Each structure stands twice: as C-alpha cells, then as structure tokens.
Amino acid sequence: MERMLEGKVSVITGAGRGIGRSAALLFASEGARVVVSDLDEGPAREVVDEIRARGGEAVAVVGDVTAEGFAERLVQTAVESFGPSIDVLVNNAGYTWDGVVHKMTDEQWEAMWRVHCTAPFRIVRAAAPYIRGAAKRDMEQGRRVHRKIINVSSVAGTDGNPGQINYSTAKAGILGFTRTLAREWGRFNVNVNAVAYGWIETRLTRAKDEDTVIEAGGTRIPVGVPRQQLEVFRALIPLGRPGTPEEAARVMLFLASPLSDYVSGQVIKVTGGW
C-alpha cells in the first residue's frame, strides 16, 4: 500500500519538539522528505537523526523564524536538498508570552505578532515560486497536483483567552491569512487550512510550577499554565483529558494528504470536544 506522502517535500517549522516533532516523524513514516526547522539545534538534529535511522530523508534548518532572511534560507535549503517543488508547508513554530492587557509591554505584543503572523507570511512569500510556481508548471502540462499549506492556530484565536490578548490576537490573525491565501491560491490547486488546537500536552501547556522557560530573541520567557487552571480545562473537555502531540499531528497528516484534496480555507478545532 502506497504511503500517503510518498516523495512529498514537507517543510515543518517548530519541528524539534511537541506537535511539530510528532508531525515530522509521522510525515516521514508516510514517505515525506522532511525539512525540520527549529530554533534550537539539538532538538532539530535529533529529529533528523531519528527519521534517517528509520530509513527516511530529512534535513535540519536551525534558526529563528522571525529573523531577517530566515524564510529565504529555509526555502533554499528545501529546494537544494529535495528539488524545486514544496508539496507541504506547515507553519507551526510559536510560543506564548502571557500577560493581562493593562500590564502587557509593546515587546510582548509585537513578539507574538512576529512569530505567529509575520513569520508565516514571509515563509509563504519565499516559497511561492516552489508552491504556486510549481503548480502553474503542472497545470501547463495538464496535471493536477495538490499542494498543502497548514497554519497552526489555537482556540485562544477562535474564542479568546484571558491573559493572552497578544497570543489570541495573533492566532486570530493567522486565520484571516489562511482564508485569504486559500482564495488567492486555490486556482493553483493549493489547499490552505488551519488547525486550532486546544489543550495539547507540550512544554507550553505544562503546569507553571514545573518552571518551564524558553529563550526567544535573547529573552528568557516563562511558559506554562497555572495548575489550578489546567484542572478547570480538564473539566471543560468532554473527553476528560488533554490531547497528545501524536494525536495533534494526525490532523496535520490528514490536511497534508490526498484525503483533504477538496478541503480548503477551513479551520479545524482539535480540542477533545471543548
């Protein structure tokens, strides 16, 4: 039985940990050739090594998705490694930097916009010759080949969340980006969709008393959720538990695969029924 992503070039940002890591491994198991992008070199190299150990193909691109020139370097690496067509692009990289609106700094506000909206915009723009352009060449040759763009949002973006006005606003913004790009590039057989996650078990959703800190732009940022709030979340989820990164990645696989060739401009909530 042919694997769903056999030979497909798949670029995934934030692929060193969490949902992105699970997606990279899952895509590779379905035959994709994966570009593993992450801020931190160690996790990115580990994912690449794991894919290769299982007989797959992968390369790492290390760096900050918000940095000038990163989008072009990411795309160029994909093209030099696997050829002049990008079949699947997953804009997954991101983090949270919480605070109530009257105490939030400009730095906090702008950081969320840069990572969740500006970075995906730049990456899509840089990839256009190898997504939209490749699709035009296919069409000229009488072939219909679907390419996929998957953007990661959150229920904070669809419904709002106290203490996350910066994150919620940015995650709502990527939904407008998704729907507009789906309309612009649909005629080139490019499917553009978003996944809005609820509580998925990653380092961003661990209890705050586990003292999880990330570093972004030279700033150490505490992440996580107060334990009491996590218990409230659990009570609101009909399935009674958070999702795993592996479960989260399976929805990305659906959107990357031929199973979703007639799905575009949509937002799929992955929340356990929340």
Protein backbone atom coordinates (compact mmCIF):
# COMPACT_ATOMS: atom_id res chain seq x y z
CA MET A 1 0.00 0.00 0.00
CA GLU A 2 1.45 3.36 -1.03
CA ARG A 3 2.18 5.75 1.77
CA MET A 4 0.13 8.96 1.81
CA LEU A 5 3.03 11.38 1.43
CA GLU A 6 5.37 9.28 -0.68
CA GLY A 7 8.13 11.54 -2.03
CA LYS A 8 6.42 14.75 -0.93
CA VAL A 9 8.72 17.56 0.19
CA SER A 10 7.38 18.77 3.54
CA VAL A 11 8.66 21.82 5.42
CA ILE A 12 7.70 22.00 9.09
CA THR A 13 8.68 24.85 11.41
CA GLY A 14 8.96 24.31 15.15
CA ALA A 15 9.65 20.65 14.41
CA GLY A 16 12.16 19.93 17.16
CA ARG A 17 9.61 19.46 19.92
CA GLY A 18 5.95 18.91 20.65
CA ILE A 19 3.40 18.81 17.86
CA GLY A 20 5.95 19.77 15.21
CA ARG A 21 8.24 16.91 16.16
CA SER A 22 5.39 14.42 16.06
CA ALA A 23 4.32 15.76 12.67
CA ALA A 24 7.83 15.45 11.26
CA LEU A 25 8.13 11.83 12.38
CA LEU A 26 4.62 10.96 11.20
CA PHE A 27 5.08 12.62 7.80
CA ALA A 28 8.38 10.80 7.32
CA SER A 29 6.72 7.49 8.19
CA GLU A 30 4.26 8.21 5.37
CA GLY A 31 7.09 8.75 2.87
CA ALA A 32 7.66 12.50 3.07
CA ARG A 33 11.08 14.07 2.69
CA VAL A 34 11.13 16.45 5.64
CA VAL A 35 12.78 19.79 6.28
CA VAL A 36 12.95 20.03 10.08
CA SER A 37 13.10 23.65 11.19
CA ASP A 38 13.63 24.64 14.81
CA LEU A 39 15.06 27.44 16.92
CA ASP A 40 17.34 25.03 18.79
CA GLU A 41 19.93 22.89 17.04
CA GLY A 42 19.90 19.91 19.41
CA PRO A 43 16.21 19.00 19.07
CA ALA A 44 16.24 19.62 15.31
CA ARG A 45 19.24 17.33 14.78
CA GLU A 46 17.68 14.64 16.98
CA VAL A 47 14.51 14.57 14.87
CA VAL A 48 16.54 14.40 11.64
CA ASP A 49 18.66 11.57 13.06
CA GLU A 50 15.54 9.66 14.13
CA ILE A 51 13.97 9.99 10.69
CA ARG A 52 17.15 8.85 8.98
CA ALA A 53 17.55 5.94 11.38
CA ARG A 54 14.13 4.74 10.26
CA GLY A 55 15.14 4.94 6.60
CA GLY A 56 13.64 8.34 5.84
CA GLU A 57 15.03 11.52 4.35
CA ALA A 58 15.37 14.73 6.36
CA VAL A 59 17.47 17.85 6.75
CA ALA A 60 17.60 20.41 9.54
CA VAL A 61 17.37 24.19 9.31
CA VAL A 62 18.22 25.86 12.60
CA GLY A 63 17.25 29.42 13.40
CA ASP A 64 14.64 31.93 14.49
CA VAL A 65 11.68 32.07 12.10
CA THR A 66 11.32 35.80 12.86
CA ALA A 67 14.89 36.65 11.83
CA GLU A 68 15.56 38.61 8.66
CA GLY A 69 16.47 36.26 5.84
CA PHE A 70 15.39 33.10 7.65
CA ALA A 71 12.45 32.38 5.35
CA GLU A 72 14.65 32.53 2.28
CA ARG A 73 17.27 30.28 3.88
CA LEU A 74 14.62 27.75 4.91
CA VAL A 75 13.14 27.57 1.43
CA GLN A 76 16.52 27.47 -0.27
CA THR A 77 17.60 24.54 1.89
CA ALA A 78 14.43 22.65 0.96
CA VAL A 79 14.99 23.27 -2.75
CA GLU A 80 18.70 22.44 -2.69
CA SER A 81 18.05 19.26 -0.70
CA PHE A 82 14.95 17.87 -2.41
CA GLY A 83 14.25 19.72 -5.65
CA PRO A 84 12.29 22.74 -6.94
CA SER A 85 8.86 21.95 -5.52
CA ILE A 86 7.49 22.23 -1.99
CA ASP A 87 4.46 19.99 -1.54
CA VAL A 88 3.55 20.61 2.10
CA LEU A 89 4.32 23.63 4.28
CA VAL A 90 3.41 23.60 7.97
CA ASN A 91 3.70 26.92 9.83
CA ASN A 92 3.88 25.53 13.34
CA ALA A 93 6.63 27.45 15.18
CA GLY A 94 5.48 29.62 18.05
CA TYR A 95 5.29 30.23 21.76
CA THR A 96 3.30 32.18 24.35
CA TRP A 97 4.22 35.25 26.38
CA ASP A 98 1.29 35.86 28.67
CA GLY A 99 0.06 38.94 30.49
CA VAL A 100 -3.11 40.93 31.10
CA VAL A 101 -3.68 43.81 28.73
CA HIS A 102 -3.00 46.66 31.18
CA LYS A 103 0.39 45.20 32.11
CA MET A 104 1.50 43.98 28.69
CA THR A 105 4.55 45.57 27.10
CA ASP A 106 4.97 46.51 23.45
CA GLU A 107 7.70 43.87 23.27
CA GLN A 108 5.29 41.13 24.37
CA TRP A 109 2.64 42.27 21.91
CA GLU A 110 4.95 42.56 18.93
CA ALA A 111 6.76 39.29 19.64
CA MET A 112 3.54 37.30 19.27
CA TRP A 113 2.64 39.07 16.03
CA ARG A 114 6.11 38.44 14.57
CA VAL A 115 6.24 34.72 15.31
CA HIS A 116 2.62 33.78 14.61
CA CYS A 117 1.79 36.04 11.64
CA THR A 118 4.82 37.78 10.11
CA ALA A 119 6.99 34.65 10.03
CA PRO A 120 4.35 32.50 8.22
CA PHE A 121 3.76 35.37 5.77
CA ARG A 122 7.46 35.63 4.95
CA ILE A 123 7.86 31.87 4.59
CA VAL A 124 4.87 31.57 2.26
CA ARG A 125 6.13 34.51 0.21
CA ALA A 126 9.59 32.96 -0.09
CA ALA A 127 8.08 29.59 -1.01
CA ALA A 128 5.72 30.98 -3.65
CA PRO A 129 7.94 30.08 -6.65
CA TYR A 130 8.09 26.48 -5.42
CA ILE A 131 4.41 26.12 -4.49
CA ARG A 132 2.39 28.44 -6.72
CA GLY A 133 5.03 28.44 -9.44
CA ALA A 134 5.42 24.66 -9.44
CA ALA A 135 1.64 24.30 -9.59
CA LYS A 136 1.46 26.53 -12.66
CA ARG A 137 4.01 24.33 -14.42
CA ASP A 138 1.97 21.25 -13.54
CA MET A 139 -1.17 22.83 -14.94
CA GLU A 140 0.59 23.79 -18.18
CA GLN A 141 1.48 20.10 -18.55
CA GLY A 142 -2.12 19.05 -17.95
CA ARG A 143 -1.50 17.68 -14.46
CA ARG A 144 -3.44 18.50 -11.29
CA VAL A 145 -1.21 18.18 -8.26
CA HIS A 146 -2.44 19.43 -4.90
CA ARG A 147 -0.03 21.20 -2.60
CA LYS A 148 -0.85 21.93 1.02
CA ILE A 149 -0.25 24.78 3.45
CA ILE A 150 -1.18 24.16 7.07
CA ASN A 151 -1.17 27.00 9.59
CA VAL A 152 -1.36 26.42 13.33
CA SER A 153 -3.81 28.47 15.36
CA SER A 154 -5.42 27.95 18.76
CA VAL A 155 -8.76 28.11 20.50
CA ALA A 156 -7.30 31.28 22.01
CA GLY A 157 -7.52 32.69 18.48
CA THR A 158 -11.01 31.37 17.73
CA ASP A 159 -12.59 32.08 21.13
CA GLY A 160 -10.20 34.32 23.10
CA ASN A 161 -8.43 33.55 26.38
CA PRO A 162 -7.87 35.84 29.38
CA GLY A 163 -4.22 36.74 29.92
CA GLN A 164 -3.32 36.06 26.30
CA ILE A 165 -4.54 39.07 24.37
CA ASN A 166 -1.33 39.19 22.33
CA TYR A 167 -1.33 35.46 21.55
CA SER A 168 -5.09 35.40 20.92
CA THR A 169 -4.89 38.32 18.52
CA ALA A 170 -2.02 36.79 16.56
CA LYS A 171 -3.68 33.37 16.42
CA ALA A 172 -6.85 35.03 15.14
CA GLY A 173 -4.76 36.86 12.56
CA ILE A 174 -3.36 33.65 11.08
CA LEU A 175 -6.94 32.54 10.42
CA GLY A 176 -7.53 35.56 8.19
CA PHE A 177 -4.24 34.81 6.47
CA THR A 178 -5.35 31.21 5.92
CA ARG A 179 -8.72 32.06 4.43
CA THR A 180 -7.34 34.77 2.15
CA LEU A 181 -4.48 32.63 0.87
CA ALA A 182 -6.93 29.79 0.19
CA ARG A 183 -8.88 32.15 -2.06
CA GLU A 184 -5.78 33.52 -3.79
CA TRP A 185 -4.06 30.21 -4.49
CA GLY A 186 -6.99 27.83 -4.83
CA ARG A 187 -6.92 28.11 -8.63
CA PHE A 188 -3.39 26.65 -8.48
CA ASN A 189 -4.65 23.57 -6.57
CA VAL A 190 -3.09 24.79 -3.33
CA ASN A 191 -5.14 23.83 -0.28
CA VAL A 192 -4.69 26.19 2.67
CA ASN A 193 -6.14 25.26 6.04
CA ALA A 194 -5.59 25.91 9.74
CA VAL A 195 -5.72 23.77 12.85
CA ALA A 196 -6.89 25.40 16.08
CA TYR A 197 -5.61 23.35 18.98
CA GLY A 198 -6.98 23.22 22.48
CA TRP A 199 -5.03 21.68 25.33
CA ILE A 200 -2.28 19.56 23.81
CA GLU A 201 0.46 18.24 26.09
CA THR A 202 3.57 20.27 25.22
CA ARG A 203 6.05 22.35 27.21
CA LEU A 204 3.82 25.39 26.61
CA THR A 205 0.93 23.77 28.49
CA ARG A 206 2.75 22.19 31.43
CA ALA A 207 1.93 23.36 34.93
CA LYS A 208 3.80 26.58 35.72
CA ASP A 209 5.28 25.11 38.87
CA GLU A 210 7.46 22.93 36.65
CA ASP A 211 9.41 26.14 35.97
CA THR A 212 9.49 25.79 32.18
CA VAL A 213 11.34 28.63 30.49
CA ILE A 214 12.09 29.22 26.81
CA GLU A 215 14.52 31.69 25.28
CA ALA A 216 13.42 33.80 22.33
CA GLY A 217 15.23 36.80 20.93
CA GLY A 218 17.65 36.75 23.84
CA THR A 219 14.81 36.95 26.39
CA ARG A 220 14.01 34.20 28.88
CA ILE A 221 10.24 33.76 28.92
CA PRO A 222 8.34 31.65 31.45
CA VAL A 223 5.73 29.42 29.82
CA GLY A 224 3.10 27.06 31.11
CA VAL A 225 -0.32 27.26 32.72
CA PRO A 226 -1.24 27.55 36.43
CA ARG A 227 -2.06 24.08 37.74
CA GLN A 228 -5.48 25.20 39.01
CA GLN A 229 -6.36 26.48 35.54
CA LEU A 230 -5.34 23.17 33.99
CA GLU A 231 -7.82 21.37 36.20
CA VAL A 232 -10.55 23.77 35.03
CA PHE A 233 -9.58 22.99 31.43
CA ARG A 234 -9.80 19.27 32.13
CA ALA A 235 -13.33 19.68 33.46
CA LEU A 236 -14.36 21.53 30.29
CA ILE A 237 -13.13 18.81 27.92
CA PRO A 238 -15.81 16.17 27.23
CA LEU A 239 -13.12 13.56 26.57
CA GLY A 240 -11.72 14.37 30.00
CA ARG A 241 -8.05 14.74 29.08
CA PRO A 242 -5.59 16.79 27.05
CA GLY A 243 -4.52 15.60 23.63
CA THR A 244 -1.11 14.16 22.88
CA PRO A 245 1.29 15.63 20.28
CA GLU A 246 0.83 12.45 18.26
CA GLU A 247 -2.95 12.93 18.16
CA ALA A 248 -2.46 16.56 17.19
CA ALA A 249 -0.10 15.61 14.36
CA ARG A 250 -2.60 13.18 12.82
CA VAL A 251 -4.88 16.08 11.90
CA MET A 252 -1.94 17.72 10.13
CA LEU A 253 -1.38 14.47 8.25
CA PHE A 254 -5.00 14.49 7.08
CA LEU A 255 -4.60 18.05 5.79
CA ALA A 256 -1.27 17.21 4.13
CA SER A 257 -2.57 14.06 2.44
CA PRO A 258 -4.76 13.41 -0.60
CA LEU A 259 -7.64 12.76 1.82
CA SER A 260 -8.10 16.54 2.07
CA ASP A 261 -7.80 17.47 -1.61
CA TYR A 262 -11.25 19.11 -1.56
CA VAL A 263 -10.80 20.84 1.80
CA SER A 264 -9.54 24.42 1.75
CA GLY A 265 -10.00 27.66 3.67
CA GLN A 266 -11.11 25.75 6.76
CA VAL A 267 -10.27 25.85 10.46
CA ILE A 268 -10.35 22.50 12.23
CA LYS A 269 -10.66 22.62 16.01
CA VAL A 270 -8.79 19.85 17.80
CA THR A 271 -9.99 20.15 21.37
CA GLY A 272 -11.41 16.86 22.63
CA GLY A 273 -14.85 18.46 22.30
CA TRP A 274 -14.11 21.58 24.34
